[in-house]
Each structure stands twice: as structure tokens, then as C-alpha cells.
Amino acid sequence: MLELSVGEFSRRFSSAVAQNPRFQRIAIIGEITEIRRWKDGNLNLVLKEGEAILGCFSFASEARRFPALREGLSVRAEGSIEIRPTRAIYQLRAISITLVGEGKLAAEIEELRVRLRAEGAFDGSRKRPIPAFPRRVALVTSNDDARADFEGRIRADAPYVEIVFFPSRVQGKGAEIEIAEAMDRASRANVDVIVLTRGGGSSDDRLTFNLEPVARAILRARHPVVTAVGHLRDTHIADEVADLAVATPTAAAVALAQEWRRAIERLQILRAALGRSYGSVVATKSQRSRDVGLDLDRAVERFVRRRFDYVAGMERRLERLSPGARVAQWRVGLARANGRLDGWAVRRFDRYAARLGLTRAALDAEDPTRPLARGFAIITKDGEAVRDAGRLAAGDVVAARLSRGTFDARVETVHP
């Protein structure tokens, strides 16, 4: 049995590995799980396969020739196995690293990213603003849930937006060509913005959005482009060259419809406020109208009353000046004059009647025939009244006048 100290064992094992040519030029394939870059440019990696791990070390001069490395990539590391006796560990002195499988594809994607960045394709100054109120939206995607999600949300938030659908496969061999052709058709259409989307999927499913034909179609599009690949963690080249990148088809619809939704909400608020203001104005104007109506009614009433009074005054004046009025006045005057005349005549008649009565009474008193009514008689002789019996002689013929009638008589005896 061989008995060695720890140091001796480490030295002998290191010498045995160093003398074995198989370990001096060896290539090991594994997945990078750890990366550590030192300030001097040296590089430490940890490769893993299942439970097995292998440390790798490279100097800065060697690491500068390596492709872009990140955790999760599968690589082929070439170098030699070396033992560090002081620590009793072994590692790969990697002098060359290349990507394999997905790693190779990732390198190609990274190389495309570098070229596009050098062209300024990722610059913010190149990117176009998304219209706040798009009216027509071109949708480039497959006829699946992504289309349904996008269109459903747009119709809910912005029903006035028209969606023009450009179908295309979004995964599989040749899908990048179909997407580029659909993007070109959408670019020629009369739209405001183009949406390129899909409903998530694995990294293999989303590989199409990291390929150059898709990136070039986005860059040459005539309208702003929104990408929504449907994955929350990874950023694709299509997202980097797009004018706006969001996570999901629904998020793309929300981004395009948000101003429409705000405008509709604002419009509803303004409509409600307008309704309230209109009601208030109508109420105020109605009250004012009623007040003005009352004032107007009173003013009209006063005006009409004044007009009536004026017209009545004019009518009265006209009546006074009219021939009929004059005749009526004359008639009234005549009636009054007639009345006065009648009164005067009556008074004069009464006065004259009284005087006549007095005169008659005086005459009656002087009337010689009045005593006849009391039984006296007037005796005349030869037509002369006999006042003295001495003038008569017996045998004279006399006439006697009575109150009624006369008779003749002969004097028989005289008594003087």
C-alpha cells in the first residue's frame, strides 16, 4: 500500500495529469451557471451538466476572443486540465470557447443586435411617436387567441377604432418571411399604426421575433410599430427596433386605446356636466323668462292702457269735434234753451195770467152785468141806462135786462 502525505499526493496527481496528453488538449461541453469577470479582465466560469460541475479559468487575452457569454448558454470550452496542488482542486484552463446549440443561435442573435445597434436602429431619436387617437390599426398576427385578445379589448375600450387584420404565421420555419411580407402589406395600407403580436410561447416559439427579416420589416415600415410578443421577461430584437414594445396583446390594445378611453370618460364627464349646466341654465333662463314675461306683460298692459286712454281721449276729442257731436251739443243746448224758454214762457204766462186775473177781477168789478147774477136788472130807456127814477114817467116803456134775457115793461108808477 502506498502511503503519501497530502502535499505529495497533490504533486504526484498533478504531475500524472500534466504528463497525460489526453488532458492537455481537451474540449468539454456544458452549460454556464456562473460567470465572474475580474478587474484585470481574467474570467472564471462554472460549467454544469446535471449534478456535475467544472470550474474554468481564462486569462484576459484569451477571454477577449470569446463570444458574448451569459448564464444559461451551452458552450464548448477547449483547453487543458490543471491541478492546483495547494488547494487540491482541478479546473479547465480554457483558451477557446464557442457556443453550441442554442448558444450558437444566441450568438447569431447577439451579432445581429450588435449590427443593428451600430446602425442606430435602437436609438430613441429614430423611434416615432404612437398616435394618441389612432382611427385605423393594422394587426399582424395569426388568427388565434392573440388576435381575439387584442380585438376584444380594443372594441371594449375604443369602439371607434377600426382594425385591419393581416394574417401571418408567427412561429416555425419561414414564419419570419411571412411576418415581413405582412408587415410590408400593412405599411402600404391606410392605417395609423401597426401592431405585431403573438400570444407568448417558449423561446423556440418566439425565435421568429429575433430574426433579421422581422427586424428589417419593422425598420422600413411607413407607420409606427407596436410589438407585443406576449412574454414578460425576455426582450426580443423586434421589441428593440419597434417604436413601442409592450408585454401582451391586451397591453398593446390598452396602450392604443388609453387616450380614447380617457377621452370617452372625459366626454361622459363633460356631457354630465353639460347636462347639469344646461339644466341650471334652462332653469335660470326659465325663471328669467318668466320674470321677463311678467315684466313684458305688465309693460304691454301699461302700454295698451295708455294706448286705450289715448285712443279714448282722441275719440272723445274727435267726438267733440265731429259734426254729430256738435249737433248733439247744439241739441243739448237747444233742449236746455227750450227748457229755459218753456220755463220762461210758463213763468211769463203765469205772470200774465195773474195780471189778467187781476185785470179781469178789476173788470169784473166794473162790469155792470155782474150784479145781474145776483138778481139785479139794468133798466134802459131808449138805450140809455136809467139811473134816476125821476127821469121816468108813468106810461114810459122801458127794457129790463136780467142775468138771463131781457123784457120790456111799462112804468105804472114812479117813486122818485
Protein backbone atom coordinates (compact mmCIF):
# COMPACT_ATOMS: atom_id res chain seq x y z
CA MET A 1 0.00 0.00 0.00
CA LEU A 2 1.29 3.43 -0.99
CA GLU A 3 1.30 5.95 1.82
CA LEU A 4 1.63 9.63 0.89
CA SER A 5 1.14 12.98 2.53
CA VAL A 6 -1.48 15.35 1.22
CA GLY A 7 1.11 17.53 -0.42
CA GLU A 8 2.92 14.61 -2.01
CA PHE A 9 -0.36 13.18 -3.31
CA SER A 10 -1.34 16.53 -4.81
CA ARG A 11 2.05 16.91 -6.50
CA ARG A 12 2.05 13.34 -7.88
CA PHE A 13 -1.56 13.64 -9.12
CA SER A 14 -0.85 16.99 -10.77
CA SER A 15 2.26 15.54 -12.44
CA ALA A 16 0.31 12.48 -13.68
CA VAL A 17 -2.40 14.68 -15.18
CA ALA A 18 0.17 17.01 -16.75
CA GLN A 19 2.02 14.08 -18.37
CA ASN A 20 -1.19 12.59 -19.83
CA PRO A 21 -1.65 14.08 -23.33
CA ARG A 22 -5.40 13.39 -23.24
CA PHE A 23 -5.82 16.04 -20.56
CA GLN A 24 -3.57 18.58 -22.29
CA ARG A 25 -5.92 19.18 -25.25
CA ILE A 26 -9.49 18.53 -24.29
CA ALA A 27 -12.90 20.06 -25.17
CA ILE A 28 -15.71 20.00 -22.64
CA ILE A 29 -19.36 20.87 -23.32
CA GLY A 30 -21.58 22.23 -20.59
CA GLU A 31 -23.98 24.95 -19.50
CA ILE A 32 -22.65 28.13 -17.96
CA THR A 33 -24.08 28.53 -14.47
CA GLU A 34 -21.72 31.17 -13.06
CA ILE A 35 -19.65 33.94 -14.62
CA ARG A 36 -17.13 36.10 -12.81
CA ARG A 37 -15.08 38.75 -14.56
CA TRP A 38 -12.13 40.22 -12.70
CA LYS A 39 -10.92 43.79 -12.90
CA ASP A 40 -7.83 42.72 -14.84
CA GLY A 41 -10.04 41.04 -17.47
CA ASN A 42 -9.48 37.45 -16.33
CA LEU A 43 -12.54 35.21 -16.40
CA ASN A 44 -13.89 32.44 -14.21
CA LEU A 45 -16.74 30.19 -15.37
CA VAL A 46 -18.58 27.24 -13.92
CA LEU A 47 -19.82 24.63 -16.39
CA LYS A 48 -22.53 22.22 -15.32
CA GLU A 49 -24.22 19.09 -16.57
CA GLY A 50 -26.77 17.56 -14.24
CA GLU A 51 -25.07 17.37 -10.83
CA ALA A 52 -21.52 17.56 -12.21
CA ILE A 53 -19.74 20.88 -12.29
CA LEU A 54 -16.36 22.04 -13.65
CA GLY A 55 -14.60 25.29 -12.98
CA CYS A 56 -12.88 27.12 -15.84
CA PHE A 57 -10.31 29.86 -15.89
CA SER A 58 -9.13 32.08 -18.75
CA PHE A 59 -6.73 35.00 -18.94
CA ALA A 60 -7.91 38.36 -20.22
CA SER A 61 -6.05 37.94 -23.52
CA GLU A 62 -7.99 34.76 -24.16
CA ALA A 63 -11.34 35.98 -22.81
CA ARG A 64 -11.38 38.91 -25.24
CA ARG A 65 -11.70 36.44 -28.12
CA PHE A 66 -14.71 34.68 -26.59
CA PRO A 67 -18.28 35.33 -27.85
CA ALA A 68 -20.72 37.15 -25.58
CA LEU A 69 -21.34 34.84 -22.67
CA ARG A 70 -24.17 34.71 -20.16
CA GLU A 71 -25.58 32.24 -17.74
CA GLY A 72 -27.72 29.53 -19.31
CA LEU A 73 -25.75 29.28 -22.57
CA SER A 74 -24.36 25.95 -23.71
CA VAL A 75 -20.69 26.25 -24.72
CA ARG A 76 -17.76 24.14 -25.94
CA ALA A 77 -14.69 25.05 -23.92
CA GLU A 78 -11.23 23.92 -25.17
CA GLY A 79 -8.09 23.86 -23.06
CA SER A 80 -6.18 21.68 -20.62
CA ILE A 81 -6.90 20.23 -17.22
CA GLU A 82 -4.74 21.61 -14.49
CA ILE A 83 -4.43 20.75 -10.80
CA ARG A 84 -3.91 23.33 -8.09
CA PRO A 85 -1.93 21.30 -5.52
CA THR A 86 -2.23 23.85 -2.78
CA ARG A 87 -6.00 23.51 -2.81
CA ALA A 88 -6.38 20.01 -4.17
CA ILE A 89 -8.85 21.08 -6.89
CA TYR A 90 -8.85 20.74 -10.65
CA GLN A 91 -10.16 23.08 -13.35
CA LEU A 92 -10.11 23.64 -17.08
CA ARG A 93 -7.68 26.21 -18.37
CA ALA A 94 -9.97 27.38 -21.20
CA ILE A 95 -8.21 29.04 -24.09
CA SER A 96 -11.15 28.85 -26.54
CA ILE A 97 -14.91 28.92 -26.02
CA THR A 98 -17.57 28.57 -28.72
CA LEU A 99 -21.33 28.45 -28.48
CA VAL A 100 -23.19 25.26 -29.30
CA GLY A 101 -26.90 24.57 -29.97
CA GLU A 102 -28.95 27.41 -28.55
CA GLY A 103 -25.79 29.13 -27.68
CA LYS A 104 -24.81 29.37 -31.32
CA LEU A 105 -28.19 30.76 -32.22
CA ALA A 106 -27.92 33.18 -29.34
CA ALA A 107 -24.56 34.32 -30.70
CA GLU A 108 -26.09 34.94 -34.09
CA ILE A 109 -28.89 36.92 -32.47
CA GLU A 110 -26.38 38.88 -30.47
CA GLU A 111 -24.33 39.55 -33.60
CA LEU A 112 -27.49 40.87 -35.30
CA ARG A 113 -28.18 43.01 -32.26
CA VAL A 114 -24.67 44.47 -32.43
CA ARG A 115 -25.05 45.31 -36.11
CA LEU A 116 -28.42 46.92 -35.63
CA ARG A 117 -27.17 48.92 -32.67
CA ALA A 118 -24.27 50.15 -34.79
CA GLU A 119 -26.79 51.25 -37.44
CA GLY A 120 -28.70 53.24 -34.81
CA ALA A 121 -31.78 51.02 -35.06
CA PHE A 122 -32.23 51.09 -31.27
CA ASP A 123 -31.80 54.86 -30.87
CA GLY A 124 -34.71 56.63 -29.22
CA SER A 125 -34.35 59.56 -31.62
CA ARG A 126 -35.26 57.26 -34.53
CA LYS A 127 -38.42 55.96 -32.97
CA ARG A 128 -41.74 57.51 -33.97
CA PRO A 129 -44.45 58.60 -31.53
CA ILE A 130 -47.52 56.44 -31.29
CA PRO A 131 -50.70 58.36 -32.29
CA ALA A 132 -52.77 59.27 -29.26
CA PHE A 133 -56.05 58.67 -31.12
CA PRO A 134 -55.46 56.05 -33.86
CA ARG A 135 -58.51 55.53 -36.09
CA ARG A 136 -57.24 52.54 -38.12
CA VAL A 137 -54.88 49.89 -36.71
CA ALA A 138 -53.13 47.21 -38.75
CA LEU A 139 -52.89 43.93 -36.80
CA VAL A 140 -50.20 41.46 -37.91
CA THR A 141 -50.54 38.10 -36.17
CA SER A 142 -52.00 34.65 -36.59
CA ASN A 143 -55.73 34.00 -36.30
CA ASP A 144 -55.61 32.78 -32.70
CA ASP A 145 -56.07 33.97 -29.12
CA ALA A 146 -53.69 36.90 -29.60
CA ARG A 147 -55.97 38.39 -32.25
CA ALA A 148 -59.07 37.74 -30.12
CA ASP A 149 -57.48 39.32 -27.03
CA PHE A 150 -56.36 42.43 -28.91
CA GLU A 151 -59.59 42.99 -30.85
CA GLY A 152 -61.78 42.28 -27.81
CA ARG A 153 -60.01 44.84 -25.67
CA ILE A 154 -59.97 47.47 -28.44
CA ARG A 155 -63.71 47.06 -29.01
CA ALA A 156 -64.33 47.39 -25.27
CA ASP A 157 -62.12 50.45 -24.72
CA ALA A 158 -62.21 52.22 -28.10
CA PRO A 159 -65.13 51.04 -30.23
CA TYR A 160 -64.44 53.79 -32.78
CA VAL A 161 -61.09 52.24 -33.81
CA GLU A 162 -61.09 50.13 -36.99
CA ILE A 163 -58.84 47.05 -37.03
CA VAL A 164 -57.38 45.84 -40.35
CA PHE A 165 -56.17 42.25 -40.00
CA PHE A 166 -53.08 40.99 -41.85
CA PRO A 167 -52.76 37.25 -41.13
CA SER A 168 -49.35 35.59 -40.82
CA ARG A 169 -47.75 32.67 -39.09
CA VAL A 170 -45.79 33.78 -36.04
CA GLN A 171 -43.62 30.72 -35.43
CA GLY A 172 -41.98 27.88 -37.31
CA LYS A 173 -39.64 27.71 -40.23
CA GLY A 174 -40.21 30.55 -42.69
CA ALA A 175 -42.55 32.45 -40.33
CA GLU A 176 -40.16 35.42 -40.35
CA ILE A 177 -40.66 35.81 -44.12
CA GLU A 178 -44.45 35.72 -43.76
CA ILE A 179 -44.33 38.30 -40.98
CA ALA A 180 -42.08 40.57 -43.07
CA GLU A 181 -44.46 40.32 -46.04
CA ALA A 182 -47.49 41.01 -43.83
CA MET A 183 -45.68 43.99 -42.33
CA ASP A 184 -44.95 45.32 -45.80
CA ARG A 185 -48.63 44.98 -46.78
CA ALA A 186 -49.67 46.75 -43.59
CA SER A 187 -47.13 49.50 -44.31
CA ARG A 188 -48.81 50.17 -47.66
CA ALA A 189 -52.29 50.30 -46.11
CA ASN A 190 -54.04 53.47 -44.98
CA VAL A 191 -53.57 52.95 -41.24
CA ASP A 192 -52.23 54.97 -38.33
CA VAL A 193 -50.19 52.31 -36.51
CA ILE A 194 -49.11 48.67 -36.95
CA VAL A 195 -49.33 46.09 -34.15
CA LEU A 196 -47.16 42.95 -34.40
CA THR A 197 -48.13 40.44 -31.76
CA ARG A 198 -48.40 36.83 -30.66
CA GLY A 199 -49.61 35.06 -27.56
CA GLY A 200 -46.39 34.17 -25.75
CA GLY A 201 -44.83 30.70 -26.02
CA SER A 202 -41.44 29.12 -25.46
CA SER A 203 -38.16 30.66 -26.53
CA ASP A 204 -38.21 28.45 -29.65
CA ASP A 205 -41.72 29.70 -30.48
CA ARG A 206 -40.60 33.30 -30.08
CA LEU A 207 -37.38 32.85 -32.06
CA THR A 208 -39.02 34.40 -35.14
CA PHE A 209 -39.07 37.80 -33.43
CA ASN A 210 -35.27 37.74 -33.07
CA LEU A 211 -34.59 37.21 -36.77
CA GLU A 212 -33.38 39.84 -39.20
CA PRO A 213 -36.27 39.79 -41.74
CA VAL A 214 -38.72 40.76 -38.99
CA ALA A 215 -36.42 43.48 -37.65
CA ARG A 216 -35.85 44.92 -41.13
CA ALA A 217 -39.61 44.91 -41.88
CA ILE A 218 -40.23 46.89 -38.70
CA LEU A 219 -37.48 49.37 -39.54
CA ARG A 220 -38.80 50.04 -43.06
CA ALA A 221 -42.45 50.30 -42.02
CA ARG A 222 -44.10 53.57 -43.01
CA HIS A 223 -46.21 53.68 -39.84
CA PRO A 224 -45.26 53.45 -36.15
CA VAL A 225 -44.95 49.83 -34.98
CA VAL A 226 -46.03 48.35 -31.63
CA THR A 227 -44.76 44.88 -30.70
CA ALA A 228 -46.41 42.63 -28.14
CA VAL A 229 -44.75 39.22 -28.26
CA GLY A 230 -46.60 38.03 -25.19
CA HIS A 231 -43.66 37.38 -22.87
CA LEU A 232 -42.94 39.37 -19.75
CA ARG A 233 -39.24 38.64 -19.17
CA ASP A 234 -37.34 38.41 -22.44
CA THR A 235 -36.66 41.32 -24.79
CA HIS A 236 -36.58 40.47 -28.48
CA ILE A 237 -34.85 42.30 -31.29
CA ALA A 238 -38.28 43.09 -32.71
CA ASP A 239 -39.10 44.83 -29.42
CA GLU A 240 -35.86 46.80 -29.51
CA VAL A 241 -36.38 48.19 -33.01
CA ALA A 242 -40.12 48.78 -32.57
CA ASP A 243 -41.41 52.24 -31.74
CA LEU A 244 -43.19 50.82 -28.69
CA ALA A 245 -42.84 47.40 -27.04
CA VAL A 246 -45.36 46.00 -24.57
CA ALA A 247 -45.75 42.59 -22.99
CA THR A 248 -49.04 41.16 -24.27
CA PRO A 249 -51.69 41.69 -26.98
CA THR A 250 -54.03 43.04 -24.32
CA ALA A 251 -51.37 45.51 -23.18
CA ALA A 252 -50.97 46.68 -26.78
CA ALA A 253 -54.73 47.28 -27.03
CA VAL A 254 -54.70 49.16 -23.73
CA ALA A 255 -51.78 51.33 -24.87
CA LEU A 256 -53.53 52.30 -28.11
CA ALA A 257 -56.96 52.77 -26.55
CA GLN A 258 -55.99 54.56 -23.35
CA GLU A 259 -56.38 58.07 -24.80
CA TRP A 260 -59.63 57.06 -26.45
CA ARG A 261 -60.84 55.67 -23.13
CA ARG A 262 -59.78 58.81 -21.28
CA ALA A 263 -61.41 60.95 -23.94
CA ILE A 264 -64.64 58.95 -23.74
CA GLU A 265 -64.59 59.14 -19.94
CA ARG A 266 -63.84 62.86 -20.13
CA LEU A 267 -66.60 63.25 -22.70
CA GLN A 268 -69.02 61.45 -20.41
CA ILE A 269 -67.99 63.70 -17.51
CA LEU A 270 -68.33 66.78 -19.70
CA ARG A 271 -71.66 65.52 -21.03
CA ALA A 272 -72.94 65.07 -17.48
CA ALA A 273 -71.58 68.49 -16.50
CA LEU A 274 -73.10 69.96 -19.64
CA GLY A 275 -76.43 68.36 -18.77
CA ARG A 276 -76.27 69.83 -15.27
CA SER A 277 -75.17 73.21 -16.60
CA TYR A 278 -77.83 73.09 -19.28
CA GLY A 279 -80.46 72.26 -16.68
CA SER A 280 -79.22 75.07 -14.46
CA VAL A 281 -79.10 77.49 -17.37
CA VAL A 282 -82.53 76.39 -18.53
CA ALA A 283 -83.92 76.79 -15.00
CA THR A 284 -82.27 80.20 -14.67
CA LYS A 285 -83.36 81.26 -18.11
CA SER A 286 -86.85 79.89 -17.49
CA GLN A 287 -87.13 81.89 -14.30
CA ARG A 288 -85.66 84.90 -16.07
CA SER A 289 -88.03 84.28 -18.94
CA ARG A 290 -90.94 84.14 -16.54
CA ASP A 291 -89.77 87.35 -14.87
CA VAL A 292 -89.23 89.00 -18.22
CA GLY A 293 -92.61 87.66 -19.33
CA LEU A 294 -94.28 89.18 -16.30
CA ASP A 295 -92.42 92.45 -16.87
CA LEU A 296 -93.36 92.30 -20.52
CA ASP A 297 -96.99 91.56 -19.67
CA ARG A 298 -97.06 94.50 -17.27
CA ALA A 299 -95.33 96.72 -19.82
CA VAL A 300 -97.74 95.59 -22.53
CA GLU A 301 -100.65 96.15 -20.18
CA ARG A 302 -99.40 99.64 -19.34
CA PHE A 303 -98.75 100.36 -22.99
CA VAL A 304 -102.16 99.06 -24.04
CA ARG A 305 -103.82 101.00 -21.23
CA ARG A 306 -102.03 104.16 -22.31
CA ARG A 307 -102.98 103.48 -25.91
CA PHE A 308 -106.56 102.84 -24.90
CA ASP A 309 -106.58 106.03 -22.86
CA TYR A 310 -105.01 107.91 -25.74
CA VAL A 311 -107.45 106.42 -28.24
CA ALA A 312 -110.37 107.13 -25.88
CA GLY A 313 -109.15 110.71 -25.47
CA MET A 314 -108.79 111.01 -29.23
CA GLU A 315 -112.24 109.53 -29.68
CA ARG A 316 -113.66 111.96 -27.17
CA ARG A 317 -111.88 114.79 -28.87
CA LEU A 318 -112.98 113.52 -32.23
CA GLU A 319 -116.50 113.20 -30.94
CA ARG A 320 -116.35 116.75 -29.64
CA LEU A 321 -115.05 117.96 -32.97
CA SER A 322 -117.34 115.84 -35.13
CA PRO A 323 -120.48 117.38 -36.69
CA GLY A 324 -122.62 114.83 -34.88
CA ALA A 325 -121.11 115.87 -31.57
CA ARG A 326 -121.62 119.47 -32.49
CA VAL A 327 -125.21 118.76 -33.43
CA ALA A 328 -125.64 116.77 -30.22
CA GLN A 329 -124.19 119.67 -28.28
CA TRP A 330 -126.45 122.01 -30.17
CA ARG A 331 -129.34 119.73 -29.46
CA VAL A 332 -128.46 119.69 -25.79
CA GLY A 333 -128.15 123.46 -25.86
CA LEU A 334 -131.38 123.71 -27.77
CA ALA A 335 -133.06 121.36 -25.30
CA ARG A 336 -131.70 123.43 -22.46
CA ALA A 337 -132.79 126.64 -24.26
CA ASN A 338 -136.16 125.08 -24.93
CA GLY A 339 -136.35 124.15 -21.30
CA ARG A 340 -135.36 127.62 -20.25
CA LEU A 341 -137.76 129.08 -22.83
CA ASP A 342 -140.53 126.83 -21.67
CA GLY A 343 -139.86 127.87 -18.10
CA TRP A 344 -139.69 131.48 -19.11
CA ALA A 345 -142.91 131.15 -21.14
CA VAL A 346 -144.63 129.39 -18.27
CA ARG A 347 -143.41 131.98 -15.88
CA ARG A 348 -144.42 134.78 -18.24
CA PHE A 349 -147.76 133.10 -18.84
CA ASP A 350 -148.31 132.67 -15.16
CA ARG A 351 -147.34 136.25 -14.59
CA TYR A 352 -149.59 137.47 -17.40
CA ALA A 353 -152.30 135.12 -16.27
CA ALA A 354 -152.07 136.57 -12.80
CA ARG A 355 -152.14 140.07 -14.20
CA LEU A 356 -155.01 139.04 -16.41
CA GLY A 357 -156.77 137.64 -13.43
CA LEU A 358 -156.28 140.85 -11.58
CA THR A 359 -157.38 142.82 -14.60
CA ARG A 360 -160.32 140.54 -15.05
CA ALA A 361 -161.21 140.91 -11.43
CA ALA A 362 -160.94 144.65 -11.85
CA LEU A 363 -163.03 144.48 -14.98
CA ASP A 364 -165.42 142.17 -13.33
CA ALA A 365 -165.73 144.66 -10.57
CA GLU A 366 -166.54 147.32 -13.15
CA ASP A 367 -168.84 145.03 -15.16
CA PRO A 368 -172.38 146.32 -14.85
CA THR A 369 -173.77 142.94 -15.65
CA ARG A 370 -172.27 141.18 -12.78
CA PRO A 371 -174.93 142.31 -10.32
CA LEU A 372 -177.46 140.81 -12.66
CA ALA A 373 -176.37 137.41 -11.49
CA ARG A 374 -177.45 138.43 -8.03
CA GLY A 375 -180.90 139.24 -9.21
CA PHE A 376 -180.43 142.84 -10.25
CA ALA A 377 -181.58 144.19 -13.60
CA ILE A 378 -180.48 147.02 -15.84
CA ILE A 379 -183.28 149.27 -16.90
CA THR A 380 -182.75 151.17 -20.08
CA LYS A 381 -184.93 153.73 -21.78
CA ASP A 382 -184.24 154.45 -25.30
CA GLY A 383 -180.98 152.50 -24.93
CA GLU A 384 -179.74 154.53 -22.01
CA ALA A 385 -179.48 153.16 -18.54
CA VAL A 386 -181.98 154.68 -16.15
CA ARG A 387 -180.12 155.56 -13.03
CA ASP A 388 -182.69 158.01 -11.65
CA ALA A 389 -186.36 157.11 -11.32
CA GLY A 390 -187.14 160.78 -11.56
CA ARG A 391 -186.49 160.66 -15.26
CA LEU A 392 -189.30 158.29 -15.78
CA ALA A 393 -192.92 159.00 -16.01
CA ALA A 394 -195.86 156.75 -15.81
CA GLY A 395 -196.54 155.12 -19.05
CA ASP A 396 -192.87 155.13 -20.22
CA VAL A 397 -191.76 151.98 -21.93
CA VAL A 398 -188.51 150.61 -20.56
CA ALA A 399 -186.39 147.49 -21.21
CA ALA A 400 -185.17 145.39 -18.38
CA ARG A 401 -182.00 143.33 -18.82
CA LEU A 402 -181.66 140.42 -16.48
CA SER A 403 -178.88 137.98 -15.91
CA ARG A 404 -180.57 135.83 -18.44
CA GLY A 405 -182.52 137.53 -21.08
CA THR A 406 -184.45 140.90 -21.30
CA PHE A 407 -188.01 142.02 -21.23
CA ASP A 408 -189.95 145.23 -21.88
CA ALA A 409 -192.17 146.90 -19.27
CA ARG A 410 -194.35 149.94 -18.89
CA VAL A 411 -193.95 152.29 -15.99
CA GLU A 412 -197.02 152.39 -13.94
CA THR A 413 -195.92 154.49 -11.07
CA VAL A 414 -192.86 156.49 -10.37
CA HIS A 415 -191.46 156.94 -6.94
CA PRO A 416 -188.54 159.40 -7.24
